PDB file of N, CA and C in Angstrom:
ATOM      1  N   MET A   1       0.890  -1.244   0.090  1.00  0.00           N
ATOM      2  CA  MET A   1       0.090  -0.025  -0.175  1.00  0.00           C
ATOM      3  C   MET A   1       0.853   1.205  -0.096  1.00  0.00           C
ATOM      4  N   ALA A   2       0.594   2.265  -0.881  1.00  0.00           N
ATOM      5  CA  ALA A   2       1.584   3.300  -1.086  1.00  0.00           C
ATOM      6  C   ALA A   2       0.760   4.496  -0.457  1.00  0.00           C
ATOM      7  N   ILE A   3       1.515   5.344   0.203  1.00  0.00           N
ATOM      8  CA  ILE A   3       1.024   6.549   0.832  1.00  0.00           C
ATOM      9  C   ILE A   3       1.791   7.746  -0.228  1.00  0.00           C
ATOM     10  N   MET A   4       0.561   8.565  -0.528  1.00  0.00           N
ATOM     11  CA  MET A   4       1.178   9.676  -1.420  1.00  0.00           C
ATOM     12  C   MET A   4       1.429  11.027  -0.527  1.00  0.00           C
ATOM     13  N   SER A   5       2.329  11.704  -1.145  1.00  0.00           N
ATOM     14  CA  SER A   5       2.962  12.909  -0.212  1.00  0.00           C
ATOM     15  C   SER A   5       1.801  13.837   0.084  1.00  0.00           C
ATOM     16  N   HIS A   6       0.638  14.114  -0.743  1.00  0.00           N
ATOM     17  CA  HIS A   6      -0.492  15.120  -0.446  1.00  0.00           C
ATOM     18  C   HIS A   6      -1.480  14.400   0.794  1.00  0.00           C
ATOM     19  N   GLN A   7      -1.289  13.081   1.052  1.00  0.00           N
ATOM     20  CA  GLN A   7      -1.955  12.532   2.198  1.00  0.00           C
ATOM     21  C   GLN A   7      -1.482  12.809   3.508  1.00  0.00           C
ATOM     22  N   ILE A   8      -0.203  12.830   3.646  1.00  0.00           N
ATOM     23  CA  ILE A   8       0.661  13.118   5.003  1.00  0.00           C
ATOM     24  C   ILE A   8       1.416  14.183   4.928  1.00  0.00           C
ATOM     25  N   GLY A   9       1.800  14.953   3.913  1.00  0.00           N
ATOM     26  CA  GLY A   9       2.698  15.882   3.720  1.00  0.00           C
ATOM     27  C   GLY A   9       2.431  16.921   4.728  1.00  0.00           C
ATOM     28  N   LYS A  10       1.235  17.438   4.823  1.00  0.00           N
ATOM     29  CA  LYS A  10       0.771  18.635   5.682  1.00  0.00           C
ATOM     30  C   LYS A  10       1.170  18.299   7.204  1.00  0.00           C
ATOM     31  N   ALA A  11       0.768  16.988   7.496  1.00  0.00           N
ATOM     32  CA  ALA A  11       0.824  16.670   8.911  1.00  0.00           C
ATOM     33  C   ALA A  11       2.480  16.515   9.264  1.00  0.00           C
ATOM     34  N   LEU A  12       3.145  15.948   8.180  1.00  0.00           N
ATOM     35  CA  LEU A  12       4.490  15.911   8.584  1.00  0.00           C
ATOM     36  C   LEU A  12       5.197  17.323   8.685  1.00  0.00           C
ATOM     37  N   CYS A  13       4.776  18.237   7.760  1.00  0.00           N
ATOM     38  CA  CYS A  13       5.356  19.686   7.908  1.00  0.00           C
ATOM     39  C   CYS A  13       5.064  20.236   9.104  1.00  0.00           C
ATOM     40  N   ASP A  14       3.657  20.079   9.638  1.00  0.00           N
ATOM     41  CA  ASP A  14       3.308  20.406  11.019  1.00  0.00           C
ATOM     42  C   ASP A  14       4.169  19.826  12.078  1.00  0.00           C
ATOM     43  N   ALA A  15       4.241  18.504  12.131  1.00  0.00           N
ATOM     44  CA  ALA A  15       5.028  17.909  13.360  1.00  0.00           C
ATOM     45  C   ALA A  15       6.518  18.273  13.229  1.00  0.00           C
ATOM     46  N   LEU A  16       7.013  18.491  12.019  1.00  0.00           N
ATOM     47  CA  LEU A  16       8.460  18.791  11.967  1.00  0.00           C
ATOM     48  C   LEU A  16       8.631  20.520  12.124  1.00  0.00           C
ATOM     49  N   GLN A  17       7.690  21.234  12.247  1.00  0.00           N
ATOM     50  CA  GLN A  17       7.655  22.659  12.290  1.00  0.00           C
ATOM     51  C   GLN A  17       8.395  23.231  11.101  1.00  0.00           C
ATOM     52  N   LEU A  18       8.172  22.676  10.042  1.00  0.00           N
ATOM     53  CA  LEU A  18       8.664  23.378   8.739  1.00  0.00           C
ATOM     54  C   LEU A  18       8.106  24.474   8.405  1.00  0.00           C
ATOM     55  N   PRO A  19       8.631  25.532   7.526  1.00  0.00           N
ATOM     56  CA  PRO A  19       8.068  26.448   7.000  1.00  0.00           C
ATOM     57  C   PRO A  19       6.666  26.478   6.273  1.00  0.00           C
ATOM     58  N   LYS A  20       5.784  27.486   6.387  1.00  0.00           N
ATOM     59  CA  LYS A  20       4.684  27.271   5.728  1.00  0.00           C
ATOM     60  C   LYS A  20       4.538  26.946   4.320  1.00  0.00           C
ATOM     61  N   GLN A  21       5.510  27.621   3.716  1.00  0.00           N
ATOM     62  CA  GLN A  21       5.536  27.476   2.046  1.00  0.00           C
ATOM     63  C   GLN A  21       6.574  26.607   1.809  1.00  0.00           C
ATOM     64  N   THR A  22       6.533  25.410   2.436  1.00  0.00           N
ATOM     65  CA  THR A  22       7.628  24.361   2.116  1.00  0.00           C
ATOM     66  C   THR A  22       7.110  23.732   0.699  1.00  0.00           C
ATOM     67  N   ARG A  23       8.135  23.539  -0.245  1.00  0.00           N
ATOM     68  CA  ARG A  23       7.849  23.041  -1.422  1.00  0.00           C
ATOM     69  C   ARG A  23       8.173  21.437  -1.531  1.00  0.00           C
ATOM     70  N   SER A  24       9.308  21.003  -0.866  1.00  0.00           N
ATOM     71  CA  SER A  24       9.616  19.758  -0.748  1.00  0.00           C
ATOM     72  C   SER A  24      10.562  19.499   0.533  1.00  0.00           C
ATOM     73  N   PHE A  25      10.528  18.345   1.000  1.00  0.00           N
ATOM     74  CA  PHE A  25      11.609  17.948   2.147  1.00  0.00           C
ATOM     75  C   PHE A  25      11.981  16.543   1.910  1.00  0.00           C
ATOM     76  N   VAL A  26      13.197  16.362   2.371  1.00  0.00           N
ATOM     77  CA  VAL A  26      13.728  15.123   2.441  1.00  0.00           C
ATOM     78  C   VAL A  26      13.958  14.758   3.898  1.00  0.00           C
ATOM     79  N   LEU A  27      13.378  13.805   4.414  1.00  0.00           N
ATOM     80  CA  LEU A  27      13.530  13.192   5.902  1.00  0.00           C
ATOM     81  C   LEU A  27      14.514  12.103   5.827  1.00  0.00           C
ATOM     82  N   ARG A  28      15.686  12.141   6.463  1.00  0.00           N
ATOM     83  CA  ARG A  28      16.795  11.292   6.343  1.00  0.00           C
ATOM     84  C   ARG A  28      16.723  10.583   7.795  1.00  0.00           C
ATOM     85  N   VAL A  29      16.739   9.358   7.752  1.00  0.00           N
ATOM     86  CA  VAL A  29      16.859   8.460   8.940  1.00  0.00           C
ATOM     87  C   VAL A  29      17.657   7.364   8.768  1.00  0.00           C
ATOM     88  N   GLU A  30      18.821   7.276   9.629  1.00  0.00           N
ATOM     89  CA  GLU A  30      19.894   6.390   9.447  1.00  0.00           C
ATOM     90  C   GLU A  30      20.190   5.731  10.878  1.00  0.00           C
ATOM     91  N   THR A  31      20.262   4.479  10.954  1.00  0.00           N
ATOM     92  CA  THR A  31      20.651   3.817  12.265  1.00  0.00           C
ATOM     93  C   THR A  31      21.865   4.510  12.828  1.00  0.00           C
ATOM     94  N   GLY A  32      21.928   4.852  13.963  1.00  0.00           N
ATOM     95  CA  GLY A  32      23.270   5.372  14.710  1.00  0.00           C
ATOM     96  C   GLY A  32      23.483   6.891  14.404  1.00  0.00           C
ATOM     97  N   ASN A  33      22.697   7.546  13.335  1.00  0.00           N
ATOM     98  CA  ASN A  33      22.880   8.826  13.158  1.00  0.00           C
ATOM     99  C   ASN A  33      21.594   9.678  13.568  1.00  0.00           C
ATOM    100  N   ILE A  34      21.942  11.072  13.586  1.00  0.00           N
ATOM    101  CA  ILE A  34      20.905  12.161  13.708  1.00  0.00           C
ATOM    102  C   ILE A  34      19.876  12.075  12.720  1.00  0.00           C
ATOM    103  N   VAL A  35      18.622  12.161  12.836  1.00  0.00           N
ATOM    104  CA  VAL A  35      17.748  12.386  12.038  1.00  0.00           C
ATOM    105  C   VAL A  35      17.654  13.685  11.411  1.00  0.00           C
ATOM    106  N   SER A  36      17.878  13.876  10.164  1.00  0.00           N
ATOM    107  CA  SER A  36      17.885  15.195   9.428  1.00  0.00           C
ATOM    108  C   SER A  36      16.971  15.457   8.531  1.00  0.00           C
ATOM    109  N   VAL A  37      16.595  16.792   8.281  1.00  0.00           N
ATOM    110  CA  VAL A  37      15.653  17.047   7.426  1.00  0.00           C
ATOM    111  C   VAL A  37      16.185  18.258   6.383  1.00  0.00           C
ATOM    112  N   GLU A  38      16.033  18.080   5.172  1.00  0.00           N
ATOM    113  CA  GLU A  38      16.433  18.941   4.064  1.00  0.00           C
ATOM    114  C   GLU A  38      15.250  19.438   3.399  1.00  0.00           C
ATOM    115  N   CYS A  39      15.013  20.764   3.431  1.00  0.00           N
ATOM    116  CA  CYS A  39      13.722  21.590   3.183  1.00  0.00           C
ATOM    117  C   CYS A  39      13.975  22.351   2.224  1.00  0.00           C
ATOM    118  N   GLU A  40      13.148  22.548   1.216  1.00  0.00           N
ATOM    119  CA  GLU A  40      12.959  23.609   0.125  1.00  0.00           C
ATOM    120  C   GLU A  40      11.766  24.122   0.319  1.00  0.00           C
ATOM    121  N   TYR A  41      11.976  25.603   0.451  1.00  0.00           N
ATOM    122  CA  TYR A  41      10.748  26.300   0.672  1.00  0.00           C
ATOM    123  C   TYR A  41      10.883  27.724   0.179  1.00  0.00           C
ATOM    124  N   TYR A  42       9.807  28.312   0.022  1.00  0.00           N
ATOM    125  CA  TYR A  42       9.652  29.781  -0.836  1.00  0.00           C
ATOM    126  C   TYR A  42       9.651  30.755   0.636  1.00  0.00           C
ATOM    127  N   PRO A  43      10.676  31.765   0.793  1.00  0.00           N
ATOM    128  CA  PRO A  43      10.653  32.594   1.888  1.00  0.00           C
ATOM    129  C   PRO A  43       9.454  33.575   1.668  1.00  0.00           C
ATOM    130  N   GLU A  44       8.948  33.966   2.857  1.00  0.00           N
ATOM    131  CA  GLU A  44       7.771  34.933   2.893  1.00  0.00           C
ATOM    132  C   GLU A  44       7.990  36.041   1.916  1.00  0.00           C
ATOM    133  N   GLY A  45       6.909  36.236   0.981  1.00  0.00           N
ATOM    134  CA  GLY A  45       6.872  37.229   0.054  1.00  0.00           C
ATOM    135  C   GLY A  45       7.918  37.227  -0.990  1.00  0.00           C
ATOM    136  N   SER A  46       8.477  36.075  -1.283  1.00  0.00           N
ATOM    137  CA  SER A  46       9.525  35.746  -2.306  1.00  0.00           C
ATOM    138  C   SER A  46       9.158  34.565  -3.259  1.00  0.00           C
ATOM    139  N   PHE A  47       9.597  34.733  -4.494  1.00  0.00           N
ATOM    140  CA  PHE A  47       9.327  33.414  -5.313  1.00  0.00           C
ATOM    141  C   PHE A  47      10.522  32.637  -5.622  1.00  0.00           C
ATOM    142  N   VAL A  48      11.601  33.157  -4.890  1.00  0.00           N
ATOM    143  CA  VAL A  48      12.965  32.276  -5.107  1.00  0.00           C
ATOM    144  C   VAL A  48      12.849  31.180  -3.904  1.00  0.00           C
ATOM    145  N   ALA A  49      13.356  29.987  -4.466  1.00  0.00           N
ATOM    146  CA  ALA A  49      13.284  29.027  -3.498  1.00  0.00           C
ATOM    147  C   ALA A  49      14.562  29.167  -2.710  1.00  0.00           C
ATOM    148  N   ALA A  50      14.365  28.523  -1.185  1.00  0.00           N
ATOM    149  CA  ALA A  50      15.583  28.648  -0.465  1.00  0.00           C
ATOM    150  C   ALA A  50      15.634  27.228  -0.011  1.00  0.00           C
ATOM    151  N   LEU A  51      16.929  26.743   0.399  1.00  0.00           N
ATOM    152  CA  LEU A  51      17.119  25.444   0.775  1.00  0.00           C
ATOM    153  C   LEU A  51      17.550  25.704   2.369  1.00  0.00           C
ATOM    154  N   ALA A  52      17.063  24.710   3.348  1.00  0.00           N
ATOM    155  CA  ALA A  52      17.505  24.774   4.576  1.00  0.00           C
ATOM    156  C   ALA A  52      17.712  23.466   5.226  1.00  0.00           C
ATOM    157  N   GLU A  53      18.597  22.999   5.897  1.00  0.00           N
ATOM    158  CA  GLU A  53      18.871  21.743   6.674  1.00  0.00           C
ATOM    159  C   GLU A  53      18.677  21.826   8.057  1.00  0.00           C
ATOM    160  N   TYR A  54      17.942  20.928   8.484  1.00  0.00           N
ATOM    161  CA  TYR A  54      17.801  20.844  10.121  1.00  0.00           C
ATOM    162  C   TYR A  54      18.193  19.483  10.803  1.00  0.00           C
ATOM    163  N   GLU A  55      18.543  19.310  11.769  1.00  0.00           N
ATOM    164  CA  GLU A  55      18.814  18.175  12.552  1.00  0.00           C
ATOM    165  C   GLU A  55      17.726  18.131  13.664  1.00  0.00           C
ATOM    166  N   LEU A  56      17.200  17.044  13.862  1.00  0.00           N
ATOM    167  CA  LEU A  56      16.104  16.821  14.787  1.00  0.00           C
ATOM    168  C   LEU A  56      16.838  16.414  16.247  1.00  0.00           C
ATOM    169  N   VAL A  57      16.569  17.298  17.003  1.00  0.00           N
ATOM    170  CA  VAL A  57      16.939  16.843  18.472  1.00  0.00           C
ATOM    171  C   VAL A  57      15.935  16.650  19.489  1.00  0.00           C
ATOM    172  N   ARG A  58      16.086  15.766  20.420  1.00  0.00           N
ATOM    173  CA  ARG A  58      14.919  15.486  21.451  1.00  0.00           C
ATOM    174  C   ARG A  58      14.926  16.715  22.156  1.00  0.00           C
ATOM    175  N   LYS A  59      13.562  17.261  22.345  1.00  0.00           N
ATOM    176  CA  LYS A  59      13.172  18.516  23.163  1.00  0.00           C
ATOM    177  C   LYS A  59      13.455  18.058  24.552  1.00  0.00           C
ATOM    178  N   PRO A  60      13.913  18.975  25.402  1.00  0.00           N
ATOM    179  CA  PRO A  60      14.050  18.754  26.741  1.00  0.00           C
ATOM    180  C   PRO A  60      12.535  18.771  27.311  1.00  0.00           C
ATOM    181  N   GLU A  61      12.462  17.876  28.519  1.00  0.00           N
ATOM    182  CA  GLU A  61      11.352  17.785  29.284  1.00  0.00           C
ATOM    183  C   GLU A  61      10.856  19.029  29.772  1.00  0.00           C
ATOM    184  N   VAL A  62       9.596  19.742  29.617  1.00  0.00           N
ATOM    185  CA  VAL A  62       9.308  20.835  30.191  1.00  0.00           C
ATOM    186  C   VAL A  62       8.561  20.371  31.589  1.00  0.00           C
ATOM    187  N   LYS A  63       9.247  21.081  32.669  1.00  0.00           N
ATOM    188  CA  LYS A  63       8.670  20.876  33.894  1.00  0.00           C
ATOM    189  C   LYS A  63       7.932  22.335  34.295  1.00  0.00           C
ATOM    190  N   THR A  64       6.582  22.091  34.656  1.00  0.00           N
ATOM    191  CA  THR A  64       5.992  23.320  35.070  1.00  0.00           C
ATOM    192  C   THR A  64       5.953  23.436  36.548  1.00  0.00           C
ATOM    193  N   ALA A  65       5.839  24.916  37.140  1.00  0.00           N
ATOM    194  CA  ALA A  65       5.881  24.920  38.511  1.00  0.00           C
ATOM    195  C   ALA A  65       4.552  24.674  39.055  1.00  0.00           C
ATOM    196  N   PRO A  66       4.408  24.233  40.316  1.00  0.00           N
ATOM    197  CA  PRO A  66       3.010  23.877  40.766  1.00  0.00           C
ATOM    198  C   PRO A  66       2.428  25.126  41.086  1.00  0.00           C
ATOM    199  N   ALA A  67       0.842  25.009  41.056  1.00  0.00           N
ATOM    200  CA  ALA A  67       0.205  26.121  41.014  1.00  0.00           C
ATOM    201  C   ALA A  67       0.234  26.787  42.325  1.00  0.00           C
ATOM    202  N   GLU A  68       0.205  28.102  42.307  1.00  0.00           N
ATOM    203  CA  GLU A  68       0.318  29.010  43.418  1.00  0.00           C
ATOM    204  C   GLU A  68      -0.614  28.603  44.479  1.00  0.00           C
ATOM    205  N   MET A  69      -0.163  28.631  45.631  1.00  0.00           N
ATOM    206  CA  MET A  69      -1.044  28.033  46.666  1.00  0.00           C
ATOM    207  C   MET A  69      -1.640  29.513  47.331  1.00  0.00           C
ATOM    208  N   ASN A  70      -2.823  29.542  47.566  1.00  0.00           N
ATOM    209  CA  ASN A  70      -3.567  30.617  48.249  1.00  0.00           C
ATOM    210  C   ASN A  70      -3.726  29.910  49.625  1.00  0.00           C
ATOM    211  N   PHE A  71      -2.881  30.479  50.575  1.00  0.00           N
ATOM    212  CA  PHE A  71      -2.657  30.123  51.869  1.00  0.00           C
ATOM    213  C   PHE A  71      -4.131  30.390  52.842  1.00  0.00           C
ATOM    214  N   ASP A  72      -4.794  31.580  52.757  1.00  0.00           N
ATOM    215  CA  ASP A  72      -5.952  31.872  53.298  1.00  0.00           C
ATOM    216  C   ASP A  72      -6.978  31.132  52.892  1.00  0.00           C
ATOM    217  N   ALA A  73      -7.290  30.719  51.701  1.00  0.00           N
ATOM    218  CA  ALA A  73      -8.237  29.913  51.308  1.00  0.00           C
ATOM    219  C   ALA A  73      -8.163  28.538  51.778  1.00  0.00           C
ATOM    220  N   TRP A  74      -6.806  28.034  51.667  1.00  0.00           N
ATOM    221  CA  TRP A  74      -6.350  26.741  52.284  1.00  0.00           C
ATOM    222  C   TRP A  74      -6.621  26.461  53.624  1.00  0.00           C
ATOM    223  N   MET A  75      -6.281  27.474  54.431  1.00  0.00           N
ATOM    224  CA  MET A  75      -6.553  27.584  55.932  1.00  0.00           C
ATOM    225  C   MET A  75      -8.072  27.438  56.181  1.00  0.00           C
ATOM    226  N   ARG A  76      -8.850  28.393  55.462  1.00  0.00           N
ATOM    227  CA  ARG A  76     -10.351  28.542  55.754  1.00  0.00           C
ATOM    228  C   ARG A  76     -10.938  27.025  55.460  1.00  0.00           C
ATOM    229  N   ASP A  77     -10.559  26.452  54.363  1.00  0.00           N
ATOM    230  CA  ASP A  77     -11.142  25.035  54.103  1.00  0.00           C
ATOM    231  C   ASP A  77     -10.897  24.178  55.265  1.00  0.00           C
ATOM    232  N   ARG A  78      -9.625  24.131  55.740  1.00  0.00           N
ATOM    233  CA  ARG A  78      -9.205  23.408  56.927  1.00  0.00           C
ATOM    234  C   ARG A  78      -9.966  23.656  58.298  1.00  0.00           C
ATOM    235  N   ILE A  79     -10.325  24.785  58.439  1.00  0.00           N
ATOM    236  CA  ILE A  79     -11.081  25.252  59.574  1.00  0.00           C
ATOM    237  C   ILE A  79     -12.421  24.760  59.367  1.00  0.00           C
ATOM    238  N   ASP A  80     -13.078  25.094  58.302  1.00  0.00           N
ATOM    239  CA  ASP A  80     -14.455  24.805  58.024  1.00  0.00           C
ATOM    240  C   ASP A  80     -14.663  23.196  58.059  1.00  0.00           C
ATOM    241  N   ALA A  81     -13.629  22.454  57.406  1.00  0.00           N
ATOM    242  CA  ALA A  81     -13.809  21.026  57.613  1.00  0.00           C
ATOM    243  C   ALA A  81     -13.742  20.547  59.100  1.00  0.00           C
ATOM    244  N   ALA A  82     -12.780  21.022  59.812  1.00  0.00           N
ATOM    245  CA  ALA A  82     -12.559  20.756  61.296  1.00  0.00           C
ATOM    246  C   ALA A  82     -13.764  20.950  62.097  1.00  0.00           C
ATOM    247  N   HIS A  83     -14.457  22.198  61.812  1.00  0.00           N
ATOM    248  CA  HIS A  83     -15.603  22.625  62.480  1.00  0.00           C
ATOM    249  C   HIS A  83     -16.729  21.695  62.159  1.00  0.00           C
ATOM    250  N   ALA A  84     -16.853  21.541  60.767  1.00  0.00           N
ATOM    251  CA  ALA A  84     -18.015  20.392  60.467  1.00  0.00           C
ATOM    252  C   ALA A  84     -17.835  19.244  61.172  1.00  0.00           C
ATOM    253  N   ALA A  85     -16.532  18.674  61.329  1.00  0.00           N
ATOM    254  CA  ALA A  85     -16.313  17.333  61.825  1.00  0.00           C
ATOM    255  C   ALA A  85     -16.733  17.359  63.371  1.00  0.00           C
ATOM    256  N   TYR A  86     -16.255  18.348  64.002  1.00  0.00           N
ATOM    257  CA  TYR A  86     -16.549  18.741  65.491  1.00  0.00           C
ATOM    258  C   TYR A  86     -17.977  18.847  65.730  1.00  0.00           C
ATOM    259  N   MET A  87     -18.804  19.541  64.958  1.00  0.00           N
ATOM    260  CA  MET A  87     -20.219  19.636  65.276  1.00  0.00           C
ATOM    261  C   MET A  87     -20.947  18.450  64.862  1.00  0.00           C
ATOM    262  N   ALA A  88     -20.763  17.586  63.855  1.00  0.00           N
ATOM    263  CA  ALA A  88     -21.162  16.215  63.572  1.00  0.00           C
ATOM    264  C   ALA A  88     -20.844  15.424  64.556  1.00  0.00           C
ATOM    265  N   ARG A  89     -19.661  15.163  65.301  1.00  0.00           N
ATOM    266  CA  ARG A  89     -19.236  14.472  66.273  1.00  0.00           C
ATOM    267  C   ARG A  89     -20.158  14.746  67.723  1.00  0.00           C
ATOM    268  N   HIS A  90     -20.305  15.960  67.958  1.00  0.00           N
ATOM    269  CA  HIS A  90     -21.081  16.205  68.922  1.00  0.00           C
ATOM    270  C   HIS A  90     -22.578  16.370  68.878  1.00  0.00           C
ATOM    271  N   LYS A  91     -23.023  16.321  67.723  1.00  0.00           N
ATOM    272  CA  LYS A  91     -24.425  16.324  67.416  1.00  0.00           C
ATOM    273  C   LYS A  91     -24.943  14.714  67.559  1.00  0.00           C
ATOM    274  N   ARG A  92     -23.828  13.971  67.052  1.00  0.00           N
ATOM    275  CA  ARG A  92     -24.309  12.533  67.138  1.00  0.00           C
ATOM    276  C   ARG A  92     -24.192  11.876  68.553  1.00  0.00           C
ATOM    277  N   GLY A  93     -23.230  12.228  69.418  1.00  0.00           N
ATOM    278  CA  GLY A  93     -22.778  11.493  70.562  1.00  0.00           C
ATOM    279  C   GLY A  93     -23.562  12.373  71.694  1.00  0.00           C
ATOM    280  N   GLY A  94     -23.975  13.498  71.651  1.00  0.00           N
ATOM    281  CA  GLY A  94     -24.596  14.370  72.656  1.00  0.00           C
ATOM    282  C   GLY A  94     -23.370  15.136  73.228  1.00  0.00           C
ATOM    283  N   GLN A  95     -23.453  15.750  74.426  1.00  0.00           N
ATOM    284  CA  GLN A  95     -22.460  16.472  75.074  1.00  0.00           C
ATOM    285  C   GLN A  95     -21.263  15.501  75.347  1.00  0.00           C
ATOM    286  N   ALA A  96     -20.226  16.183  75.581  1.00  0.00           N
ATOM    287  CA  ALA A  96     -19.019  15.420  75.938  1.00  0.00           C
ATOM    288  C   ALA A  96     -18.979  15.214  77.533  1.00  0.00           C
ATOM    289  N   TYR A  97     -19.715  16.058  78.385  1.00  0.00           N
ATOM    290  CA  TYR A  97     -19.929  15.736  79.751  1.00  0.00           C
ATOM    291  C   TYR A  97     -21.222  16.262  80.077  1.00  0.00           C
ATOM    292  N   PRO A  98     -21.840  15.849  81.209  1.00  0.00           N
ATOM    293  CA  PRO A  98     -22.996  16.448  81.664  1.00  0.00           C
ATOM    294  C   PRO A  98     -23.133  17.998  82.016  1.00  0.00           C
ATOM    295  N   GLN A  99     -24.028  18.569  81.605  1.00  0.00           N
ATOM    296  CA  GLN A  99     -24.175  20.037  81.972  1.00  0.00           C
ATOM    297  C   GLN A  99     -25.465  20.287  82.646  1.00  0.00           C
ATOM    298  N   ASN A 100     -26.148  19.331  83.123  1.00  0.00           N
ATOM    299  CA  ASN A 100     -27.441  19.726  83.561  1.00  0.00           C
ATOM    300  C   ASN A 100     -27.605  20.120  85.293  1.00  0.00           C
ATOM    301  N   SER A 101     -26.557  19.774  85.804  1.00  0.00           N
ATOM    302  CA  SER A 101     -26.644  19.992  87.388  1.00  0.00           C
ATOM    303  C   SER A 101     -25.358  19.784  88.018  1.00  0.00           C
ATOM    304  N   ILE A 102     -25.099  20.331  89.143  1.00  0.00           N
ATOM    305  CA  ILE A 102     -23.687  20.096  89.749  1.00  0.00           C
ATOM    306  C   ILE A 102     -23.593  18.777  90.425  1.00  0.00           C
ATOM    307  N   VAL A 103     -24.875  17.931  90.522  1.00  0.00           N
ATOM    308  CA  VAL A 103     -24.741  16.665  91.022  1.00  0.00           C
ATOM    309  C   VAL A 103     -24.239  15.659  90.165  1.00  0.00           C
ATOM    310  N   GLU A 104     -24.750  16.106  88.800  1.00  0.00           N
ATOM    311  CA  GLU A 104     -24.234  15.258  87.676  1.00  0.00           C
ATOM    312  C   GLU A 104     -22.919  15.442  87.369  1.00  0.00           C
ATOM    313  N   LEU A 105     -22.395  16.596  87.330  1.00  0.00           N
ATOM    314  CA  LEU A 105     -20.863  16.936  87.235  1.00  0.00           C
ATOM    315  C   LEU A 105     -20.131  16.330  88.247  1.00  0.00           C
ATOM    316  N   ALA A 106     -20.502  16.247  89.454  1.00  0.00           N
ATOM    317  CA  ALA A 106     -19.793  15.585  90.454  1.00  0.00           C
ATOM    318  C   ALA A 106     -19.676  14.260  90.311  1.00  0.00           C
ATOM    319  N   ARG A 107     -20.795  13.507  89.828  1.00  0.00           N
ATOM    320  CA  ARG A 107     -20.758  12.014  89.460  1.00  0.00           C
ATOM    321  C   ARG A 107     -19.741  11.788  88.392  1.00  0.00           C
ATOM    322  N   TYR A 108     -19.885  12.606  87.218  1.00  0.00           N
ATOM    323  CA  TYR A 108     -19.092  12.553  86.250  1.00  0.00           C
ATOM    324  C   TYR A 108     -17.507  12.553  86.373  1.00  0.00           C
ATOM    325  N   PHE A 109     -17.224  13.457  87.308  1.00  0.00           N
ATOM    326  CA  PHE A 109     -15.742  13.589  87.790  1.00  0.00           C
ATOM    327  C   PHE A 109     -15.466  12.864  88.971  1.00  0.00           C
ATOM    328  N   SER A 110     -16.363  12.005  89.369  1.00  0.00           N
ATOM    329  CA  SER A 110     -15.988  11.133  90.691  1.00  0.00           C
ATOM    330  C   SER A 110     -15.631  12.217  91.842  1.00  0.00           C
ATOM    331  N   VAL A 111     -16.501  13.244  92.140  1.00  0.00           N
ATOM    332  CA  VAL A 111     -16.072  14.023  93.324  1.00  0.00           C
ATOM    333  C   VAL A 111     -17.287  13.802  94.366  1.00  0.00           C
ATOM    334  N   PRO A 112     -16.731  13.565  95.673  1.00  0.00           N
ATOM    335  CA  PRO A 112     -17.791  13.388  96.768  1.00  0.00           C
ATOM    336  C   PRO A 112     -18.810  14.426  96.675  1.00  0.00           C
ATOM    337  N   LEU A 113     -19.933  14.233  96.924  1.00  0.00           N
ATOM    338  CA  LEU A 113     -21.035  14.988  96.940  1.00  0.00           C
ATOM    339  C   LEU A 113     -21.022  16.043  98.258  1.00  0.00           C
ATOM    340  N   GLU A 114     -20.563  15.454  99.277  1.00  0.00           N
ATOM    341  CA  GLU A 114     -20.484  16.101 100.482  1.00  0.00           C
ATOM    342  C   GLU A 114     -19.922  17.673 100.524  1.00  0.00           C
ATOM    343  N   GLY A 115     -18.797  17.754  99.693  1.00  0.00           N
ATOM    344  CA  GLY A 115     -18.053  18.979  99.642  1.00  0.00           C
ATOM    345  C   GLY A 115     -18.640  19.946  98.831  1.00  0.00           C
ATOM    346  N   ILE A 116     -19.708  19.589  97.917  1.00  0.00           N
ATOM    347  CA  ILE A 116     -20.206  20.429  96.974  1.00  0.00           C
ATOM    348  C   ILE A 116     -21.493  21.253  97.485  1.00  0.00           C
ATOM    349  N   ARG A 117     -22.358  20.704  98.269  1.00  0.00           N
ATOM    350  CA  ARG A 117     -23.382  21.336  98.708  1.00  0.00           C
ATOM    351  C   ARG A 117     -23.282  22.231  99.876  1.00  0.00           C
TER     352      ARG A 117
END
């Protein structure tokens, strides 16, 4: 099955980042050598053909910086989550200690009642 240049030419020019007015190019791939491209193109606004030769090199990996952290928003989210958990915990299980009377508090903390009244 043959592939014609008009079927993949535009895609290859875009992938190799060749000039828009490329007339023709030769892609040379040899084992153990750098991939090279010989490109014939028409410079912007000119009808005279120019010849350029490129060597393909591996682009360095682009590392992006982590997104800027908004500390105030982060802290507000933490406080809201902690407060919601606190409220859910105490709503579920009632009070952490009795608050109805001194007698109940004395029993809760194991204090003799004689000294309280």
